[in-house]
Amino acid sequence: GKGRVIGLDEDGSKLDQAIRVGKHMSYQLME
């Protein structure tokens, strides 16, 4: 699972959220 940032992300919070969502989706699929 990989999250994608849409729109501006000046403080990097959207990128952090996308990484967390991708990790959780990968965990759900594989575990």
PDB file of all heavy atoms in Angstrom:
ATOM      1  N   GLY A   1       0.821  -1.201   0.000  1.00  0.00           N
ATOM      2  CA  GLY A   1       0.000   0.000   0.000  1.00  0.00           C
ATOM      3  C   GLY A   1       0.853   1.249   0.000  1.00  0.00           C
ATOM      4  O   GLY A   1       1.852   1.345   0.713  1.00  0.00           O
ATOM      5  N   LYS A   2       0.475   2.200  -0.835  1.00  0.00           N
ATOM      6  CA  LYS A   2       1.204   3.460  -0.902  1.00  0.00           C
ATOM      7  C   LYS A   2       0.207   4.604  -0.948  1.00  0.00           C
ATOM      8  O   LYS A   2      -0.712   4.596  -1.767  1.00  0.00           O
ATOM      9  CB  LYS A   2       2.096   3.507  -2.140  1.00  0.00           C
ATOM     10  CG  LYS A   2       3.213   2.490  -2.095  1.00  0.00           C
ATOM     11  CD  LYS A   2       4.046   2.534  -3.341  1.00  0.00           C
ATOM     12  CE  LYS A   2       5.073   1.416  -3.251  1.00  0.00           C
ATOM     13  NZ  LYS A   2       5.506   0.952  -4.536  1.00  0.00           N
ATOM     14  N   GLY A   3       0.389   5.566  -0.073  1.00  0.00           N
ATOM     15  CA  GLY A   3      -0.450   6.745  -0.083  1.00  0.00           C
ATOM     16  C   GLY A   3       0.137   7.795  -1.012  1.00  0.00           C
ATOM     17  O   GLY A   3       1.323   7.777  -1.321  1.00  0.00           O
ATOM     18  N   ARG A   4      -0.712   8.709  -1.466  1.00  0.00           N
ATOM     19  CA  ARG A   4      -0.264   9.753  -2.377  1.00  0.00           C
ATOM     20  C   ARG A   4      -0.735  11.097  -1.851  1.00  0.00           C
ATOM     21  O   ARG A   4      -1.870  11.233  -1.398  1.00  0.00           O
ATOM     22  CB  ARG A   4      -0.834   9.496  -3.761  1.00  0.00           C
ATOM     23  CG  ARG A   4      -0.299  10.432  -4.815  1.00  0.00           C
ATOM     24  CD  ARG A   4      -0.771  10.020  -6.164  1.00  0.00           C
ATOM     25  NE  ARG A   4      -2.188  10.359  -6.289  1.00  0.00           N
ATOM     26  CZ  ARG A   4      -2.852  10.292  -7.419  1.00  0.00           C
ATOM     27  NH1 ARG A   4      -2.274   9.864  -8.510  1.00  0.00           N
ATOM     28  NH2 ARG A   4      -4.119  10.631  -7.463  1.00  0.00           N
ATOM     29  N   VAL A   5       0.125  12.070  -1.928  1.00  0.00           N
ATOM     30  CA  VAL A   5      -0.208  13.421  -1.479  1.00  0.00           C
ATOM     31  C   VAL A   5      -0.851  14.166  -2.628  1.00  0.00           C
ATOM     32  O   VAL A   5      -0.293  14.237  -3.726  1.00  0.00           O
ATOM     33  CB  VAL A   5       1.057  14.165  -0.996  1.00  0.00           C
ATOM     34  CG1 VAL A   5       0.721  15.586  -0.623  1.00  0.00           C
ATOM     35  CG2 VAL A   5       1.689  13.435   0.168  1.00  0.00           C
ATOM     36  N   ILE A   6      -2.028  14.731  -2.373  1.00  0.00           N
ATOM     37  CA  ILE A   6      -2.733  15.528  -3.370  1.00  0.00           C
ATOM     38  C   ILE A   6      -2.833  16.946  -2.836  1.00  0.00           C
ATOM     39  O   ILE A   6      -3.282  17.171  -1.716  1.00  0.00           O
ATOM     40  CB  ILE A   6      -4.135  14.949  -3.652  1.00  0.00           C
ATOM     41  CG1 ILE A   6      -3.997  13.535  -4.219  1.00  0.00           C
ATOM     42  CG2 ILE A   6      -4.908  15.836  -4.617  1.00  0.00           C
ATOM     43  CD1 ILE A   6      -5.297  12.808  -4.400  1.00  0.00           C
ATOM     44  N   GLY A   7      -2.412  17.891  -3.614  1.00  0.00           N
ATOM     45  CA  GLY A   7      -2.455  19.283  -3.214  1.00  0.00           C
ATOM     46  C   GLY A   7      -1.167  19.714  -2.526  1.00  0.00           C
ATOM     47  O   GLY A   7      -0.193  18.965  -2.451  1.00  0.00           O
ATOM     48  N   LEU A   8      -1.172  20.930  -2.039  1.00  0.00           N
ATOM     49  CA  LEU A   8       0.007  21.472  -1.358  1.00  0.00           C
ATOM     50  C   LEU A   8       0.202  20.809   0.003  1.00  0.00           C
ATOM     51  O   LEU A   8      -0.755  20.514   0.700  1.00  0.00           O
ATOM     52  CB  LEU A   8      -0.130  22.981  -1.184  1.00  0.00           C
ATOM     53  CG  LEU A   8      -0.140  23.806  -2.484  1.00  0.00           C
ATOM     54  CD1 LEU A   8      -0.399  25.272  -2.174  1.00  0.00           C
ATOM     55  CD2 LEU A   8       1.166  23.641  -3.228  1.00  0.00           C
ATOM     56  N   ASP A   9       1.464  20.628   0.347  1.00  0.00           N
ATOM     57  CA  ASP A   9       1.812  20.023   1.641  1.00  0.00           C
ATOM     58  C   ASP A   9       3.036  20.753   2.184  1.00  0.00           C
ATOM     59  O   ASP A   9       4.138  20.225   2.178  1.00  0.00           O
ATOM     60  CB  ASP A   9       2.086  18.530   1.461  1.00  0.00           C
ATOM     61  CG  ASP A   9       2.325  17.812   2.777  1.00  0.00           C
ATOM     62  OD1 ASP A   9       1.848  18.312   3.815  1.00  0.00           O
ATOM     63  OD2 ASP A   9       2.987  16.768   2.767  1.00  0.00           O
ATOM     64  N   GLU A  10       2.812  21.953   2.649  1.00  0.00           N
ATOM     65  CA  GLU A  10       3.932  22.807   3.080  1.00  0.00           C
ATOM     66  C   GLU A  10       4.610  22.299   4.347  1.00  0.00           C
ATOM     67  O   GLU A  10       5.826  22.377   4.478  1.00  0.00           O
ATOM     68  CB  GLU A  10       3.436  24.239   3.266  1.00  0.00           C
ATOM     69  CG  GLU A  10       2.971  24.854   1.957  1.00  0.00           C
ATOM     70  CD  GLU A  10       2.314  26.203   2.167  1.00  0.00           C
ATOM     71  OE1 GLU A  10       2.237  26.663   3.316  1.00  0.00           O
ATOM     72  OE2 GLU A  10       1.877  26.787   1.169  1.00  0.00           O
ATOM     73  N   ASP A  11       3.829  21.774   5.281  1.00  0.00           N
ATOM     74  CA  ASP A  11       4.424  21.337   6.545  1.00  0.00           C
ATOM     75  C   ASP A  11       4.738  19.841   6.578  1.00  0.00           C
ATOM     76  O   ASP A  11       5.285  19.337   7.555  1.00  0.00           O
ATOM     77  CB  ASP A  11       3.510  21.695   7.719  1.00  0.00           C
ATOM     78  CG  ASP A  11       2.146  21.019   7.640  1.00  0.00           C
ATOM     79  OD1 ASP A  11       1.825  20.468   6.580  1.00  0.00           O
ATOM     80  OD2 ASP A  11       1.423  21.063   8.652  1.00  0.00           O
ATOM     81  N   GLY A  12       4.397  19.098   5.517  1.00  0.00           N
ATOM     82  CA  GLY A  12       4.716  17.677   5.438  1.00  0.00           C
ATOM     83  C   GLY A  12       3.740  16.772   6.164  1.00  0.00           C
ATOM     84  O   GLY A  12       3.965  15.564   6.259  1.00  0.00           O
ATOM     85  N   SER A  13       2.648  17.318   6.671  1.00  0.00           N
ATOM     86  CA  SER A  13       1.688  16.498   7.422  1.00  0.00           C
ATOM     87  C   SER A  13       0.946  15.522   6.505  1.00  0.00           C
ATOM     88  O   SER A  13       0.654  14.394   6.908  1.00  0.00           O
ATOM     89  CB  SER A  13       0.696  17.382   8.171  1.00  0.00           C
ATOM     90  OG  SER A  13      -0.061  18.153   7.258  1.00  0.00           O
ATOM     91  N   LYS A  14       0.651  15.958   5.286  1.00  0.00           N
ATOM     92  CA  LYS A  14      -0.034  15.057   4.350  1.00  0.00           C
ATOM     93  C   LYS A  14       0.875  13.893   3.960  1.00  0.00           C
ATOM     94  O   LYS A  14       0.409  12.768   3.827  1.00  0.00           O
ATOM     95  CB  LYS A  14      -0.464  15.810   3.094  1.00  0.00           C
ATOM     96  CG  LYS A  14      -1.637  16.737   3.291  1.00  0.00           C
ATOM     97  CD  LYS A  14      -2.032  17.341   1.969  1.00  0.00           C
ATOM     98  CE  LYS A  14      -3.232  18.260   2.101  1.00  0.00           C
ATOM     99  NZ  LYS A  14      -3.620  18.831   0.799  1.00  0.00           N
ATOM    100  N   LEU A  15       2.160  14.154   3.792  1.00  0.00           N
ATOM    101  CA  LEU A  15       3.104  13.095   3.463  1.00  0.00           C
ATOM    102  C   LEU A  15       3.203  12.089   4.605  1.00  0.00           C
ATOM    103  O   LEU A  15       3.206  10.879   4.384  1.00  0.00           O
ATOM    104  CB  LEU A  15       4.484  13.663   3.137  1.00  0.00           C
ATOM    105  CG  LEU A  15       5.578  12.641   2.822  1.00  0.00           C
ATOM    106  CD1 LEU A  15       5.204  11.839   1.588  1.00  0.00           C
ATOM    107  CD2 LEU A  15       6.906  13.323   2.647  1.00  0.00           C
ATOM    108  N   ASP A  16       3.261  12.589   5.838  1.00  0.00           N
ATOM    109  CA  ASP A  16       3.305  11.696   7.001  1.00  0.00           C
ATOM    110  C   ASP A  16       2.058  10.822   7.066  1.00  0.00           C
ATOM    111  O   ASP A  16       2.136   9.625   7.336  1.00  0.00           O
ATOM    112  CB  ASP A  16       3.438  12.496   8.298  1.00  0.00           C
ATOM    113  CG  ASP A  16       4.780  13.188   8.423  1.00  0.00           C
ATOM    114  OD1 ASP A  16       5.735  12.751   7.750  1.00  0.00           O
ATOM    115  OD2 ASP A  16       4.864  14.161   9.199  1.00  0.00           O
ATOM    116  N   GLN A  17       0.911  11.429   6.796  1.00  0.00           N
ATOM    117  CA  GLN A  17      -0.341  10.670   6.813  1.00  0.00           C
ATOM    118  C   GLN A  17      -0.358   9.628   5.691  1.00  0.00           C
ATOM    119  O   GLN A  17      -0.789   8.494   5.906  1.00  0.00           O
ATOM    120  CB  GLN A  17      -1.542  11.604   6.666  1.00  0.00           C
ATOM    121  CG  GLN A  17      -2.863  10.894   6.745  1.00  0.00           C
ATOM    122  CD  GLN A  17      -4.044  11.833   6.603  1.00  0.00           C
ATOM    123  OE1 GLN A  17      -3.887  12.992   6.212  1.00  0.00           O
ATOM    124  NE2 GLN A  17      -5.222  11.346   6.912  1.00  0.00           N
ATOM    125  N   ALA A  18       0.115   9.995   4.518  1.00  0.00           N
ATOM    126  CA  ALA A  18       0.155   9.051   3.393  1.00  0.00           C
ATOM    127  C   ALA A  18       1.060   7.865   3.721  1.00  0.00           C
ATOM    128  O   ALA A  18       0.733   6.717   3.393  1.00  0.00           O
ATOM    129  CB  ALA A  18       0.643   9.758   2.130  1.00  0.00           C
ATOM    130  N   ILE A  19       2.172   8.105   4.378  1.00  0.00           N
ATOM    131  CA  ILE A  19       3.088   7.024   4.763  1.00  0.00           C
ATOM    132  C   ILE A  19       2.416   6.108   5.779  1.00  0.00           C
ATOM    133  O   ILE A  19       2.497   4.883   5.679  1.00  0.00           O
ATOM    134  CB  ILE A  19       4.417   7.604   5.297  1.00  0.00           C
ATOM    135  CG1 ILE A  19       5.189   8.264   4.153  1.00  0.00           C
ATOM    136  CG2 ILE A  19       5.255   6.527   5.967  1.00  0.00           C
ATOM    137  CD1 ILE A  19       6.375   9.083   4.591  1.00  0.00           C
ATOM    138  N   ARG A  20       1.727   6.702   6.779  1.00  0.00           N
ATOM    139  CA  ARG A  20       1.031   5.896   7.788  1.00  0.00           C
ATOM    140  C   ARG A  20      -0.077   5.051   7.161  1.00  0.00           C
ATOM    141  O   ARG A  20      -0.224   3.870   7.484  1.00  0.00           O
ATOM    142  CB  ARG A  20       0.443   6.791   8.876  1.00  0.00           C
ATOM    143  CG  ARG A  20       1.453   7.344   9.847  1.00  0.00           C
ATOM    144  CD  ARG A  20       0.787   7.956  11.069  1.00  0.00           C
ATOM    145  NE  ARG A  20      -0.286   8.881  10.771  1.00  0.00           N
ATOM    146  CZ  ARG A  20      -0.143  10.193  10.541  1.00  0.00           C
ATOM    147  NH1 ARG A  20       1.063  10.728  10.570  1.00  0.00           N
ATOM    148  NH2 ARG A  20      -1.186  10.948  10.295  1.00  0.00           N
ATOM    149  N   VAL A  21      -0.846   5.640   6.252  1.00  0.00           N
ATOM    150  CA  VAL A  21      -1.930   4.908   5.594  1.00  0.00           C
ATOM    151  C   VAL A  21      -1.351   3.763   4.766  1.00  0.00           C
ATOM    152  O   VAL A  21      -1.869   2.640   4.778  1.00  0.00           O
ATOM    153  CB  VAL A  21      -2.783   5.853   4.711  1.00  0.00           C
ATOM    154  CG1 VAL A  21      -3.702   5.073   3.785  1.00  0.00           C
ATOM    155  CG2 VAL A  21      -3.586   6.802   5.580  1.00  0.00           C
ATOM    156  N   GLY A  22      -0.267   4.000   4.044  1.00  0.00           N
ATOM    157  CA  GLY A  22       0.372   2.955   3.246  1.00  0.00           C
ATOM    158  C   GLY A  22       0.880   1.816   4.104  1.00  0.00           C
ATOM    159  O   GLY A  22       0.707   0.636   3.751  1.00  0.00           O
ATOM    160  N   LYS A  23       1.485   2.131   5.241  1.00  0.00           N
ATOM    161  CA  LYS A  23       1.970   1.084   6.145  1.00  0.00           C
ATOM    162  C   LYS A  23       0.811   0.260   6.693  1.00  0.00           C
ATOM    163  O   LYS A  23       0.893  -0.964   6.782  1.00  0.00           O
ATOM    164  CB  LYS A  23       2.763   1.697   7.304  1.00  0.00           C
ATOM    165  CG  LYS A  23       4.145   2.146   6.932  1.00  0.00           C
ATOM    166  CD  LYS A  23       4.866   2.708   8.133  1.00  0.00           C
ATOM    167  CE  LYS A  23       6.249   3.204   7.780  1.00  0.00           C
ATOM    168  NZ  LYS A  23       6.938   3.795   8.932  1.00  0.00           N
ATOM    169  N   HIS A  24      -0.277   0.936   7.077  1.00  0.00           N
ATOM    170  CA  HIS A  24      -1.427   0.217   7.629  1.00  0.00           C
ATOM    171  C   HIS A  24      -2.082  -0.665   6.564  1.00  0.00           C
ATOM    172  O   HIS A  24      -2.468  -1.807   6.848  1.00  0.00           O
ATOM    173  CB  HIS A  24      -2.441   1.190   8.220  1.00  0.00           C
ATOM    174  CG  HIS A  24      -3.593   0.493   8.869  1.00  0.00           C
ATOM    175  ND1 HIS A  24      -3.463  -0.260  10.012  1.00  0.00           N
ATOM    176  CD2 HIS A  24      -4.898   0.397   8.509  1.00  0.00           C
ATOM    177  CE1 HIS A  24      -4.636  -0.770  10.345  1.00  0.00           C
ATOM    178  NE2 HIS A  24      -5.522  -0.386   9.436  1.00  0.00           N
ATOM    179  N   MET A  25      -2.216  -0.152   5.337  1.00  0.00           N
ATOM    180  CA  MET A  25      -2.808  -0.955   4.270  1.00  0.00           C
ATOM    181  C   MET A  25      -1.947  -2.186   3.980  1.00  0.00           C
ATOM    182  O   MET A  25      -2.466  -3.285   3.797  1.00  0.00           O
ATOM    183  CB  MET A  25      -2.963  -0.119   3.000  1.00  0.00           C
ATOM    184  CG  MET A  25      -4.091   0.874   3.066  1.00  0.00           C
ATOM    185  SD  MET A  25      -4.197   1.893   1.586  1.00  0.00           S
ATOM    186  CE  MET A  25      -4.593   0.682   0.357  1.00  0.00           C
ATOM    187  N   SER A  26      -0.638  -2.010   3.960  1.00  0.00           N
ATOM    188  CA  SER A  26       0.262  -3.139   3.735  1.00  0.00           C
ATOM    189  C   SER A  26       0.128  -4.165   4.851  1.00  0.00           C
ATOM    190  O   SER A  26       0.096  -5.373   4.601  1.00  0.00           O
ATOM    191  CB  SER A  26       1.709  -2.654   3.641  1.00  0.00           C
ATOM    192  OG  SER A  26       1.876  -1.809   2.541  1.00  0.00           O
ATOM    193  N   TYR A  27       0.027  -3.679   6.080  1.00  0.00           N
ATOM    194  CA  TYR A  27      -0.155  -4.574   7.227  1.00  0.00           C
ATOM    195  C   TYR A  27      -1.466  -5.350   7.095  1.00  0.00           C
ATOM    196  O   TYR A  27      -1.508  -6.569   7.319  1.00  0.00           O
ATOM    197  CB  TYR A  27      -0.126  -3.781   8.530  1.00  0.00           C
ATOM    198  CG  TYR A  27      -0.544  -4.591   9.725  1.00  0.00           C
ATOM    199  CD1 TYR A  27       0.320  -5.511  10.296  1.00  0.00           C
ATOM    200  CD2 TYR A  27      -1.811  -4.456  10.272  1.00  0.00           C
ATOM    201  CE1 TYR A  27      -0.066  -6.277  11.384  1.00  0.00           C
ATOM    202  CE2 TYR A  27      -2.210  -5.209  11.352  1.00  0.00           C
ATOM    203  CZ  TYR A  27      -1.333  -6.115  11.913  1.00  0.00           C
ATOM    204  OH  TYR A  27      -1.716  -6.873  12.978  1.00  0.00           O
ATOM    205  N   GLN A  28      -2.539  -4.651   6.721  1.00  0.00           N
ATOM    206  CA  GLN A  28      -3.825  -5.328   6.570  1.00  0.00           C
ATOM    207  C   GLN A  28      -3.767  -6.412   5.497  1.00  0.00           C
ATOM    208  O   GLN A  28      -4.249  -7.522   5.704  1.00  0.00           O
ATOM    209  CB  GLN A  28      -4.920  -4.326   6.207  1.00  0.00           C
ATOM    210  CG  GLN A  28      -5.434  -3.531   7.378  1.00  0.00           C
ATOM    211  CD  GLN A  28      -6.580  -2.644   6.967  1.00  0.00           C
ATOM    212  OE1 GLN A  28      -6.538  -1.980   5.945  1.00  0.00           O
ATOM    213  NE2 GLN A  28      -7.623  -2.626   7.788  1.00  0.00           N
ATOM    214  N   LEU A  29      -3.175  -6.082   4.353  1.00  0.00           N
ATOM    215  CA  LEU A  29      -3.123  -7.044   3.250  1.00  0.00           C
ATOM    216  C   LEU A  29      -2.265  -8.259   3.585  1.00  0.00           C
ATOM    217  O   LEU A  29      -2.638  -9.391   3.304  1.00  0.00           O
ATOM    218  CB  LEU A  29      -2.591  -6.379   1.987  1.00  0.00           C
ATOM    219  CG  LEU A  29      -3.513  -5.346   1.331  1.00  0.00           C
ATOM    220  CD1 LEU A  29      -2.792  -4.639   0.202  1.00  0.00           C
ATOM    221  CD2 LEU A  29      -4.777  -5.989   0.831  1.00  0.00           C
ATOM    222  N   MET A  30      -1.107  -8.039   4.166  1.00  0.00           N
ATOM    223  CA  MET A  30      -0.163  -9.136   4.368  1.00  0.00           C
ATOM    224  C   MET A  30      -0.365  -9.887   5.685  1.00  0.00           C
ATOM    225  O   MET A  30      -0.036 -11.064   5.776  1.00  0.00           O
ATOM    226  CB  MET A  30       1.275  -8.616   4.300  1.00  0.00           C
ATOM    227  CG  MET A  30       1.639  -8.024   2.951  1.00  0.00           C
ATOM    228  SD  MET A  30       1.433  -9.158   1.579  1.00  0.00           S
ATOM    229  CE  MET A  30       2.810 -10.233   1.816  1.00  0.00           C
ATOM    230  N   GLU A  31      -0.896  -9.231   6.711  1.00  0.00           N
ATOM    231  CA  GLU A  31      -0.999  -9.857   8.033  1.00  0.00           C
ATOM    232  C   GLU A  31      -2.439 -10.174   8.439  1.00  0.00           C
ATOM    233  O   GLU A  31      -2.731 -11.284   8.855  1.00  0.00           O
ATOM    234  CB  GLU A  31      -0.359  -8.957   9.096  1.00  0.00           C
ATOM    235  CG  GLU A  31       1.097  -8.607   8.830  1.00  0.00           C
ATOM    236  CD  GLU A  31       2.012  -9.818   8.813  1.00  0.00           C
ATOM    237  OE1 GLU A  31       1.743 -10.790   9.536  1.00  0.00           O
ATOM    238  OE2 GLU A  31       2.987  -9.801   8.050  1.00  0.00           O
TER     239      GLU A  31
END
